Structures are given as C-alpha cells and as structure tokens.
Amino acid sequence: MQLWQHFYMKKDLWKTGFGSKYVELITQHTVKINKKQLSFIFKTLKLKKGSQLLDLGCGDGRYSVVLVKNGINVTGVDYSSELLNRANKYAKNEEVSVKFLKKDMRRIAFAKKFDAALSMYSFGFFNNTEDNKMVIKKLAQSLKKGGRLLLATNNGLHTLKGVFKNARVSKKTGNLISKNKILNNKVLSINELDPKSMFWWVTQKWKVKGKIVINKVSMHLYVPDQVVGLLEDSGFVVEGLYGNVQGSQFNAYSGLVIIAKKI
C-alpha cells in the first residue's frame, strides 16, 4: 500500500467528510423531494399512514421530514452533528416532529422495530469492507419480517463511465486520476480510484467569500451484483432494481436503487 493510501485509510473520512464544510456545500444545492419520488417511495416500500420507517444516514433530514408530513413515523439516524442540527432546524421550520438520533450505523440496535427503511446514498463509506457489510446486516435486523428496504447507492459502473471517463493512469500507483466540476461548476472534484480495491477518494474544493474550502470523502465502489449479494447474504430478497428514486429503468450505467424485502 502506498503512503498516501495509508493516510486516507487511517483517516475516518466518514467522520470528517460530512461536517461543517459539507453542510456549507449542500446548503447551496439542496434539492427538494418531488411528488414522483415520494410516490415511488410509498409504492415500493408499501407505506401507509402510521408506518414505522428508519432513515439510516438521514443527513439533513430531507426525506425524513417530507415522509413525516405525509403520515409516516420516522426515526432518522446519522453520525454528523452538523447534519443533524440542520435536520432538526428543517423539521422545526416545517412544524413536524421527527426523532433524529446521533449513532454509528454499525452500532444501531433496533430489533425488528421498523416496517420499512431508507438508505439514501449513505452506504459504502467505511474503510473496512466488513463494516460496510455490517450496515446491511443492521438494516436487516432493524426491519420486521416482510419489511422493505430502499437502498440508493453509487453504481460503480456508472461512476467509472462518468467520473473516470477521461481519467489518466498514475505511473506511480496505477490508480485512475480525474478532475471534474460539479454542482453547477462551482466545485472542483479531484478523484482517485484504486482499481484493485475499488476504493474511491474524493477531494472537493470550492470558494466561500474568496477563500478556498477543501473537503475530503472516500467510499468503496460496488457494482450492482455485489450489492445484491450483500443483501441476499443478510436475509433480503431483492424485488427490483431502478435507475433512480423516481423509478426510471435500471441499466448497467444508470444510478442504482434497490428494493429488497426482509424474509
């Protein structure tokens, strides 16, 4: 392992990558949940008024709050104090009550409590593959028999085609390196991918009042079949794959949204 990899792997970027700098970034780019997304969530998770739902990795609460406004009882879990503060403010502004908890998603203990669960782009951020597997197991343990999970995550094939389409190969490490602009070209994203482990490191840079802000995150990239396998190993049966949270058709290079039922 290269020296730079040791730096990144020892750093728990899931702890620091979603703090105040990340909140500054998403504050300008939060997208509201639309009716088509809400309808898709209700339909695929078989939700009804009063259903108990776990929003694991709830972030700023954008899904939790909207679901509560539509009659669902939501428990939102995240590790970022900054994001949870934002979520609580959002709930207060919308005049709804949401139970937000600060917890490590590998350590949650909700035995068969929920009718449904959401994991919206919060999977794969641990350095250790076993820790990522543990997240799936904890989701399964949290659901009642027959409960459904909507897991939206990065499709590794989609990321390779998009983020790393014009990547160069590092002569020193053999890793793929790319740079691209995101979020209306306001943020420079510097990406590095280890093709052996499929571990992806991202350094994001943008300006706030003339000063450069730097944020770092990292995650494992999984192809669809790998995520399906993890779900099946943890007691789920997969009911459908989609390209996004509006129910578009899944293909090799689309986004990845999986609906799974606990058996």
C-alpha atoms as a PDB file:
ATOM      1  CA  MET A   1       0.000   0.000   0.000  1.00  0.00           C
ATOM      2  CA  GLN A   2       1.295   3.446  -0.915  1.00  0.00           C
ATOM      3  CA  LEU A   3       1.985   6.098   1.729  1.00  0.00           C
ATOM      4  CA  TRP A   4      -0.896   8.297   0.545  1.00  0.00           C
ATOM      5  CA  GLN A   5      -3.241   5.308   0.862  1.00  0.00           C
ATOM      6  CA  HIS A   6      -2.160   4.783   4.461  1.00  0.00           C
ATOM      7  CA  PHE A   7      -3.073   8.429   5.152  1.00  0.00           C
ATOM      8  CA  TYR A   8      -6.541   8.097   3.697  1.00  0.00           C
ATOM      9  CA  MET A   9      -7.287   4.630   5.088  1.00  0.00           C
ATOM     10  CA  LYS A  10      -6.278   5.596   8.614  1.00  0.00           C
ATOM     11  CA  LYS A  11      -8.378   8.724   8.453  1.00  0.00           C
ATOM     12  CA  ASP A  12     -12.036   8.055   9.180  1.00  0.00           C
ATOM     13  CA  LEU A  13     -13.258  10.360   6.425  1.00  0.00           C
ATOM     14  CA  TRP A  14     -16.854   9.311   7.095  1.00  0.00           C
ATOM     15  CA  LYS A  15     -16.473  11.154  10.408  1.00  0.00           C
ATOM     16  CA  THR A  16     -14.963  14.341   8.984  1.00  0.00           C
ATOM     17  CA  GLY A  17     -16.253  14.414   5.394  1.00  0.00           C
ATOM     18  CA  PHE A  18     -19.828  15.246   6.389  1.00  0.00           C
ATOM     19  CA  GLY A  19     -19.154  18.011   8.876  1.00  0.00           C
ATOM     20  CA  SER A  20     -19.425  21.786   8.704  1.00  0.00           C
ATOM     21  CA  LYS A  21     -17.661  22.059   5.329  1.00  0.00           C
ATOM     22  CA  TYR A  22     -20.058  19.584   3.751  1.00  0.00           C
ATOM     23  CA  VAL A  23     -23.026  21.417   5.261  1.00  0.00           C
ATOM     24  CA  GLU A  24     -21.738  24.668   3.729  1.00  0.00           C
ATOM     25  CA  LEU A  25     -21.645  22.928   0.373  1.00  0.00           C
ATOM     26  CA  ILE A  26     -25.078  21.300   0.402  1.00  0.00           C
ATOM     27  CA  THR A  27     -26.748  24.387   1.848  1.00  0.00           C
ATOM     28  CA  GLN A  28     -26.462  25.933  -1.611  1.00  0.00           C
ATOM     29  CA  HIS A  29     -27.536  22.815  -3.519  1.00  0.00           C
ATOM     30  CA  THR A  30     -30.235  21.006  -1.529  1.00  0.00           C
ATOM     31  CA  VAL A  31     -32.843  19.540  -3.866  1.00  0.00           C
ATOM     32  CA  LYS A  32     -36.383  19.163  -2.539  1.00  0.00           C
ATOM     33  CA  ILE A  33     -38.170  15.828  -2.769  1.00  0.00           C
ATOM     34  CA  ASN A  34     -40.684  15.905  -5.616  1.00  0.00           C
ATOM     35  CA  LYS A  35     -44.074  14.176  -5.844  1.00  0.00           C
ATOM     36  CA  LYS A  36     -42.816  11.478  -8.201  1.00  0.00           C
ATOM     37  CA  GLN A  37     -40.045  10.494  -5.776  1.00  0.00           C
ATOM     38  CA  LEU A  38     -42.462  10.466  -2.855  1.00  0.00           C
ATOM     39  CA  SER A  39     -44.919   8.311  -4.793  1.00  0.00           C
ATOM     40  CA  PHE A  40     -42.134   5.872  -5.720  1.00  0.00           C
ATOM     41  CA  ILE A  41     -41.043   5.546  -2.090  1.00  0.00           C
ATOM     42  CA  PHE A  42     -44.598   4.946  -0.858  1.00  0.00           C
ATOM     43  CA  LYS A  43     -45.317   2.404  -3.588  1.00  0.00           C
ATOM     44  CA  THR A  44     -42.131   0.339  -3.376  1.00  0.00           C
ATOM     45  CA  LEU A  45     -41.935   0.305   0.424  1.00  0.00           C
ATOM     46  CA  LYS A  46     -45.686  -0.411   0.765  1.00  0.00           C
ATOM     47  CA  LEU A  47     -46.035   2.500   3.167  1.00  0.00           C
ATOM     48  CA  LYS A  48     -49.298   3.501   4.784  1.00  0.00           C
ATOM     49  CA  LYS A  49     -50.280   6.076   7.377  1.00  0.00           C
ATOM     50  CA  GLY A  50     -48.554   5.302  10.645  1.00  0.00           C
ATOM     51  CA  SER A  51     -45.836   3.046   9.195  1.00  0.00           C
ATOM     52  CA  GLN A  52     -42.599   2.992  11.175  1.00  0.00           C
ATOM     53  CA  LEU A  53     -39.618   3.882   8.977  1.00  0.00           C
ATOM     54  CA  LEU A  54     -35.868   4.023   9.623  1.00  0.00           C
ATOM     55  CA  ASP A  55     -33.961   6.655   7.632  1.00  0.00           C
ATOM     56  CA  LEU A  56     -30.387   5.413   8.029  1.00  0.00           C
ATOM     57  CA  GLY A  57     -27.844   8.063   7.135  1.00  0.00           C
ATOM     58  CA  CYS A  58     -30.619  10.662   7.161  1.00  0.00           C
ATOM     59  CA  GLY A  59     -28.256  13.597   6.641  1.00  0.00           C
ATOM     60  CA  ASP A  60     -30.080  16.930   6.601  1.00  0.00           C
ATOM     61  CA  GLY A  61     -33.457  15.223   7.005  1.00  0.00           C
ATOM     62  CA  ARG A  62     -34.814  15.998   3.553  1.00  0.00           C
ATOM     63  CA  TYR A  63     -36.528  12.596   3.255  1.00  0.00           C
ATOM     64  CA  SER A  64     -37.429  12.199   6.927  1.00  0.00           C
ATOM     65  CA  VAL A  65     -39.304  15.466   7.169  1.00  0.00           C
ATOM     66  CA  VAL A  66     -41.294  15.000   3.965  1.00  0.00           C
ATOM     67  CA  LEU A  67     -42.297  11.475   4.977  1.00  0.00           C
ATOM     68  CA  VAL A  68     -43.461  12.612   8.407  1.00  0.00           C
ATOM     69  CA  LYS A  69     -45.536  15.333   6.741  1.00  0.00           C
ATOM     70  CA  ASN A  70     -47.188  12.519   4.783  1.00  0.00           C
ATOM     71  CA  GLY A  71     -48.161  10.447   7.812  1.00  0.00           C
ATOM     72  CA  ILE A  72     -45.103   8.216   8.342  1.00  0.00           C
ATOM     73  CA  ASN A  73     -43.398   7.804  11.737  1.00  0.00           C
ATOM     74  CA  VAL A  74     -39.694   8.297  11.041  1.00  0.00           C
ATOM     75  CA  THR A  75     -36.554   7.690  13.054  1.00  0.00           C
ATOM     76  CA  GLY A  76     -33.583   9.370  11.393  1.00  0.00           C
ATOM     77  CA  VAL A  77     -30.053   8.229  12.218  1.00  0.00           C
ATOM     78  CA  ASP A  78     -26.799   9.948  11.295  1.00  0.00           C
ATOM     79  CA  TYR A  79     -23.344  10.428  12.802  1.00  0.00           C
ATOM     80  CA  SER A  80     -22.808  14.032  11.703  1.00  0.00           C
ATOM     81  CA  SER A  81     -23.811  16.521  14.396  1.00  0.00           C
ATOM     82  CA  GLU A  82     -23.789  19.314  11.819  1.00  0.00           C
ATOM     83  CA  LEU A  83     -26.201  17.478   9.515  1.00  0.00           C
ATOM     84  CA  LEU A  84     -28.460  16.513  12.416  1.00  0.00           C
ATOM     85  CA  ASN A  85     -28.593  20.140  13.559  1.00  0.00           C
ATOM     86  CA  ARG A  86     -29.669  21.081  10.053  1.00  0.00           C
ATOM     87  CA  ALA A  87     -32.249  18.273  10.061  1.00  0.00           C
ATOM     88  CA  ASN A  88     -33.743  19.427  13.365  1.00  0.00           C
ATOM     89  CA  LYS A  89     -33.979  23.008  12.108  1.00  0.00           C
ATOM     90  CA  TYR A  90     -35.690  21.798   8.958  1.00  0.00           C
ATOM     91  CA  ALA A  91     -38.219  19.785  10.967  1.00  0.00           C
ATOM     92  CA  LYS A  92     -38.899  22.760  13.239  1.00  0.00           C
ATOM     93  CA  ASN A  93     -39.424  25.087  10.268  1.00  0.00           C
ATOM     94  CA  GLU A  94     -41.862  22.577   8.751  1.00  0.00           C
ATOM     95  CA  GLU A  95     -43.592  22.174  12.115  1.00  0.00           C
ATOM     96  CA  VAL A  96     -43.231  18.404  12.318  1.00  0.00           C
ATOM     97  CA  SER A  97     -41.777  16.087  14.931  1.00  0.00           C
ATOM     98  CA  VAL A  98     -39.007  13.748  13.800  1.00  0.00           C
ATOM     99  CA  LYS A  99     -36.883  11.567  16.058  1.00  0.00           C
ATOM    100  CA  PHE A 100     -33.299  12.240  14.985  1.00  0.00           C
ATOM    101  CA  LEU A 101     -30.528  10.229  16.657  1.00  0.00           C
ATOM    102  CA  LYS A 102     -26.749  10.526  16.501  1.00  0.00           C
ATOM    103  CA  LYS A 103     -25.432   6.993  16.092  1.00  0.00           C
ATOM    104  CA  ASP A 104     -22.793   4.997  14.234  1.00  0.00           C
ATOM    105  CA  MET A 105     -24.871   2.963  11.765  1.00  0.00           C
ATOM    106  CA  ARG A 106     -22.748  -0.119  12.500  1.00  0.00           C
ATOM    107  CA  ARG A 107     -23.883   0.025  16.128  1.00  0.00           C
ATOM    108  CA  ILE A 108     -27.636   0.569  15.857  1.00  0.00           C
ATOM    109  CA  ALA A 109     -29.865  -1.851  17.780  1.00  0.00           C
ATOM    110  CA  PHE A 110     -33.465  -1.693  16.587  1.00  0.00           C
ATOM    111  CA  ALA A 111     -34.592  -5.303  16.749  1.00  0.00           C
ATOM    112  CA  LYS A 112     -37.462  -5.849  14.280  1.00  0.00           C
ATOM    113  CA  LYS A 113     -38.863  -2.390  15.006  1.00  0.00           C
ATOM    114  CA  PHE A 114     -39.499  -0.929  11.542  1.00  0.00           C
ATOM    115  CA  ASP A 115     -41.907  -1.604   8.702  1.00  0.00           C
ATOM    116  CA  ALA A 116     -39.515  -0.055   6.191  1.00  0.00           C
ATOM    117  CA  ALA A 117     -36.080   1.528   5.848  1.00  0.00           C
ATOM    118  CA  LEU A 118     -34.321   4.046   3.652  1.00  0.00           C
ATOM    119  CA  SER A 119     -30.605   4.220   2.925  1.00  0.00           C
ATOM    120  CA  MET A 120     -30.128   7.194   0.618  1.00  0.00           C
ATOM    121  CA  TYR A 121     -26.528   7.302  -0.620  1.00  0.00           C
ATOM    122  CA  SER A 122     -25.132   6.509   2.826  1.00  0.00           C
ATOM    123  CA  PHE A 123     -23.750   3.024   2.067  1.00  0.00           C
ATOM    124  CA  GLY A 124     -20.108   2.175   1.372  1.00  0.00           C
ATOM    125  CA  PHE A 125     -18.281   4.924   3.254  1.00  0.00           C
ATOM    126  CA  PHE A 126     -16.344   2.758   5.709  1.00  0.00           C
ATOM    127  CA  ASN A 127     -12.703   1.870   5.019  1.00  0.00           C
ATOM    128  CA  ASN A 128     -13.231  -1.743   6.041  1.00  0.00           C
ATOM    129  CA  THR A 129     -15.392  -3.889   3.731  1.00  0.00           C
ATOM    130  CA  GLU A 130     -16.672  -5.849   6.734  1.00  0.00           C
ATOM    131  CA  ASP A 131     -18.011  -2.615   8.219  1.00  0.00           C
ATOM    132  CA  ASN A 132     -19.992  -1.932   5.048  1.00  0.00           C
ATOM    133  CA  LYS A 133     -21.412  -5.453   5.238  1.00  0.00           C
ATOM    134  CA  MET A 134     -22.358  -4.791   8.859  1.00  0.00           C
ATOM    135  CA  VAL A 135     -24.508  -1.838   7.779  1.00  0.00           C
ATOM    136  CA  ILE A 136     -26.610  -4.170   5.604  1.00  0.00           C
ATOM    137  CA  LYS A 137     -26.926  -6.633   8.479  1.00  0.00           C
ATOM    138  CA  LYS A 138     -28.055  -3.879  10.836  1.00  0.00           C
ATOM    139  CA  LEU A 139     -30.693  -2.775   8.342  1.00  0.00           C
ATOM    140  CA  ALA A 140     -31.983  -6.348   8.190  1.00  0.00           C
ATOM    141  CA  GLN A 141     -32.043  -6.645  11.984  1.00  0.00           C
ATOM    142  CA  SER A 142     -33.987  -3.386  12.257  1.00  0.00           C
ATOM    143  CA  LEU A 143     -36.815  -4.500   9.985  1.00  0.00           C
ATOM    144  CA  LYS A 144     -39.814  -6.629  10.817  1.00  0.00           C
ATOM    145  CA  LYS A 145     -40.305  -9.776   8.758  1.00  0.00           C
ATOM    146  CA  GLY A 146     -41.655  -8.662   5.388  1.00  0.00           C
ATOM    147  CA  GLY A 147     -40.330  -5.136   5.886  1.00  0.00           C
ATOM    148  CA  ARG A 148     -38.845  -3.437   2.860  1.00  0.00           C
ATOM    149  CA  LEU A 149     -35.648  -1.519   2.248  1.00  0.00           C
ATOM    150  CA  LEU A 150     -34.972   1.147  -0.365  1.00  0.00           C
ATOM    151  CA  LEU A 151     -31.217   1.391  -0.813  1.00  0.00           C
ATOM    152  CA  ALA A 152     -29.888   4.057  -3.176  1.00  0.00           C
ATOM    153  CA  THR A 153     -26.149   3.967  -3.728  1.00  0.00           C
ATOM    154  CA  ASN A 154     -23.455   4.641  -6.283  1.00  0.00           C
ATOM    155  CA  ASN A 155     -23.358   2.192  -9.178  1.00  0.00           C
ATOM    156  CA  GLY A 156     -19.651   1.559  -9.684  1.00  0.00           C
ATOM    157  CA  LEU A 157     -20.136   1.124 -13.435  1.00  0.00           C
ATOM    158  CA  HIS A 158     -21.954   4.462 -13.640  1.00  0.00           C
ATOM    159  CA  THR A 159     -19.158   6.190 -11.714  1.00  0.00           C
ATOM    160  CA  LEU A 160     -16.443   4.669 -13.898  1.00  0.00           C
ATOM    161  CA  LYS A 161     -18.194   5.795 -17.064  1.00  0.00           C
ATOM    162  CA  GLY A 162     -18.927   9.275 -15.732  1.00  0.00           C
ATOM    163  CA  VAL A 163     -16.399  10.469 -13.169  1.00  0.00           C
ATOM    164  CA  PHE A 164     -13.479   8.478 -14.584  1.00  0.00           C
ATOM    165  CA  LYS A 165     -14.392   8.644 -18.285  1.00  0.00           C
ATOM    166  CA  ASN A 166     -11.332  10.742 -19.175  1.00  0.00           C
ATOM    167  CA  ALA A 167      -9.108   9.618 -16.317  1.00  0.00           C
ATOM    168  CA  ARG A 168      -5.364   9.218 -16.576  1.00  0.00           C
ATOM    169  CA  VAL A 169      -3.417   6.354 -15.036  1.00  0.00           C
ATOM    170  CA  SER A 170      -0.903   7.296 -12.362  1.00  0.00           C
ATOM    171  CA  LYS A 171       2.544   5.943 -13.255  1.00  0.00           C
ATOM    172  CA  LYS A 172       3.425   5.809  -9.572  1.00  0.00           C
ATOM    173  CA  THR A 173       0.392   3.952  -8.186  1.00  0.00           C
ATOM    174  CA  GLY A 174      -1.529   2.613 -11.191  1.00  0.00           C
ATOM    175  CA  ASN A 175      -4.621   4.367  -9.888  1.00  0.00           C
ATOM    176  CA  LEU A 176      -7.092   6.285 -12.012  1.00  0.00           C
ATOM    177  CA  ILE A 177      -6.991  10.071 -11.581  1.00  0.00           C
ATOM    178  CA  SER A 178      -9.608  12.521 -12.806  1.00  0.00           C
ATOM    179  CA  LYS A 179     -10.805  16.058 -12.233  1.00  0.00           C
ATOM    180  CA  ASN A 180     -14.265  17.400 -12.926  1.00  0.00           C
ATOM    181  CA  LYS A 181     -16.572  20.255 -11.973  1.00  0.00           C
ATOM    182  CA  ILE A 182     -19.784  19.502 -10.096  1.00  0.00           C
ATOM    183  CA  LEU A 183     -22.710  21.392  -8.600  1.00  0.00           C
ATOM    184  CA  ASN A 184     -23.164  23.963 -11.356  1.00  0.00           C
ATOM    185  CA  ASN A 185     -19.399  24.049 -11.951  1.00  0.00           C
ATOM    186  CA  LYS A 186     -18.829  25.658  -8.556  1.00  0.00           C
ATOM    187  CA  VAL A 187     -16.952  22.734  -7.025  1.00  0.00           C
ATOM    188  CA  LEU A 188     -13.760  21.102  -8.301  1.00  0.00           C
ATOM    189  CA  SER A 189     -13.755  17.363  -7.597  1.00  0.00           C
ATOM    190  CA  ILE A 190     -10.372  15.589  -7.679  1.00  0.00           C
ATOM    191  CA  ASN A 191     -10.908  11.826  -7.841  1.00  0.00           C
ATOM    192  CA  GLU A 192      -8.605   8.870  -7.342  1.00  0.00           C
ATOM    193  CA  LEU A 193      -9.629   5.222  -7.710  1.00  0.00           C
ATOM    194  CA  ASP A 194      -7.645   2.139  -6.737  1.00  0.00           C
ATOM    195  CA  PRO A 195      -8.684  -0.458  -9.373  1.00  0.00           C
ATOM    196  CA  LYS A 196      -7.652  -3.348  -7.095  1.00  0.00           C
ATOM    197  CA  SER A 197      -9.834  -2.451  -4.119  1.00  0.00           C
ATOM    198  CA  MET A 198     -12.302  -0.166  -5.973  1.00  0.00           C
ATOM    199  CA  PHE A 199     -11.771   2.395  -3.221  1.00  0.00           C
ATOM    200  CA  TRP A 200     -12.528   5.947  -4.340  1.00  0.00           C
ATOM    201  CA  TRP A 201     -11.019   9.051  -2.744  1.00  0.00           C
ATOM    202  CA  VAL A 202     -12.535  12.464  -3.455  1.00  0.00           C
ATOM    203  CA  THR A 203     -11.115  15.893  -2.656  1.00  0.00           C
ATOM    204  CA  GLN A 204     -13.622  18.694  -3.185  1.00  0.00           C
ATOM    205  CA  LYS A 205     -12.570  22.334  -3.482  1.00  0.00           C
ATOM    206  CA  TRP A 206     -14.726  25.442  -3.714  1.00  0.00           C
ATOM    207  CA  LYS A 207     -14.647  29.085  -2.710  1.00  0.00           C
ATOM    208  CA  VAL A 208     -16.550  30.764   0.087  1.00  0.00           C
ATOM    209  CA  LYS A 209     -16.140  34.547   0.268  1.00  0.00           C
ATOM    210  CA  GLY A 210     -12.942  34.301  -1.761  1.00  0.00           C
ATOM    211  CA  LYS A 211     -11.359  31.601   0.411  1.00  0.00           C
ATOM    212  CA  ILE A 212     -10.758  28.048  -0.811  1.00  0.00           C
ATOM    213  CA  VAL A 213     -12.548  25.354   1.187  1.00  0.00           C
ATOM    214  CA  ILE A 214     -11.385  21.739   0.996  1.00  0.00           C
ATOM    215  CA  ASN A 215     -13.424  18.674   1.931  1.00  0.00           C
ATOM    216  CA  LYS A 216     -12.419  15.013   1.643  1.00  0.00           C
ATOM    217  CA  VAL A 217     -14.583  11.908   1.441  1.00  0.00           C
ATOM    218  CA  SER A 218     -13.960   8.311   0.419  1.00  0.00           C
ATOM    219  CA  MET A 219     -16.003   5.207  -0.337  1.00  0.00           C
ATOM    220  CA  HIS A 220     -15.952   1.739  -1.832  1.00  0.00           C
ATOM    221  CA  LEU A 221     -17.494   1.429  -5.262  1.00  0.00           C
ATOM    222  CA  TYR A 222     -19.726  -1.610  -5.718  1.00  0.00           C
ATOM    223  CA  VAL A 223     -21.224  -2.960  -8.909  1.00  0.00           C
ATOM    224  CA  PRO A 224     -24.940  -3.892  -8.713  1.00  0.00           C
ATOM    225  CA  ASP A 225     -24.378  -7.633  -8.398  1.00  0.00           C
ATOM    226  CA  GLN A 226     -22.141  -7.131  -5.365  1.00  0.00           C
ATOM    227  CA  VAL A 227     -24.760  -5.069  -3.527  1.00  0.00           C
ATOM    228  CA  VAL A 228     -27.464  -7.609  -4.381  1.00  0.00           C
ATOM    229  CA  GLY A 229     -25.214 -10.355  -2.985  1.00  0.00           C
ATOM    230  CA  LEU A 230     -24.681  -8.467   0.280  1.00  0.00           C
ATOM    231  CA  LEU A 231     -28.420  -8.010   0.657  1.00  0.00           C
ATOM    232  CA  GLU A 232     -29.184 -11.675  -0.024  1.00  0.00           C
ATOM    233  CA  ASP A 233     -26.480 -12.782   2.425  1.00  0.00           C
ATOM    234  CA  SER A 234     -28.160 -10.695   5.129  1.00  0.00           C
ATOM    235  CA  GLY A 235     -31.636 -12.136   4.699  1.00  0.00           C
ATOM    236  CA  PHE A 236     -33.171  -9.986   1.982  1.00  0.00           C
ATOM    237  CA  VAL A 237     -34.784 -10.947  -1.289  1.00  0.00           C
ATOM    238  CA  VAL A 238     -34.380  -8.307  -3.990  1.00  0.00           C
ATOM    239  CA  GLU A 239     -37.665  -7.216  -5.551  1.00  0.00           C
ATOM    240  CA  GLY A 240     -36.419  -4.682  -8.062  1.00  0.00           C
ATOM    241  CA  LEU A 241     -33.589  -2.526  -9.401  1.00  0.00           C
ATOM    242  CA  TYR A 242     -34.174   1.012 -10.660  1.00  0.00           C
ATOM    243  CA  GLY A 243     -32.131   3.807 -12.161  1.00  0.00           C
ATOM    244  CA  ASN A 244     -33.214   6.497  -9.703  1.00  0.00           C
ATOM    245  CA  VAL A 245     -35.679   7.328  -6.935  1.00  0.00           C
ATOM    246  CA  GLN A 246     -38.345   8.218  -9.474  1.00  0.00           C
ATOM    247  CA  GLY A 247     -38.454   4.645 -10.762  1.00  0.00           C
ATOM    248  CA  SER A 248     -36.601   5.026 -14.055  1.00  0.00           C
ATOM    249  CA  GLN A 249     -35.425   1.841 -15.752  1.00  0.00           C
ATOM    250  CA  PHE A 250     -32.179   0.384 -14.456  1.00  0.00           C
ATOM    251  CA  ASN A 251     -29.294  -0.309 -16.818  1.00  0.00           C
ATOM    252  CA  ALA A 252     -25.582  -1.011 -16.474  1.00  0.00           C
ATOM    253  CA  TYR A 253     -24.668   2.678 -16.437  1.00  0.00           C
ATOM    254  CA  SER A 254     -27.649   4.179 -14.622  1.00  0.00           C
ATOM    255  CA  GLY A 255     -27.897   5.043 -10.969  1.00  0.00           C
ATOM    256  CA  LEU A 256     -28.641   2.196  -8.563  1.00  0.00           C
ATOM    257  CA  VAL A 257     -31.767   1.977  -6.407  1.00  0.00           C
ATOM    258  CA  ILE A 258     -32.591  -1.429  -4.941  1.00  0.00           C
ATOM    259  CA  ILE A 259     -35.849  -2.503  -3.344  1.00  0.00           C
ATOM    260  CA  ALA A 260     -35.420  -5.516  -1.050  1.00  0.00           C
ATOM    261  CA  LYS A 261     -37.726  -7.417   1.290  1.00  0.00           C
ATOM    262  CA  LYS A 262     -36.648  -8.986   4.565  1.00  0.00           C
ATOM    263  CA  ILE A 263     -37.531 -12.668   4.645  1.00  0.00           C
END
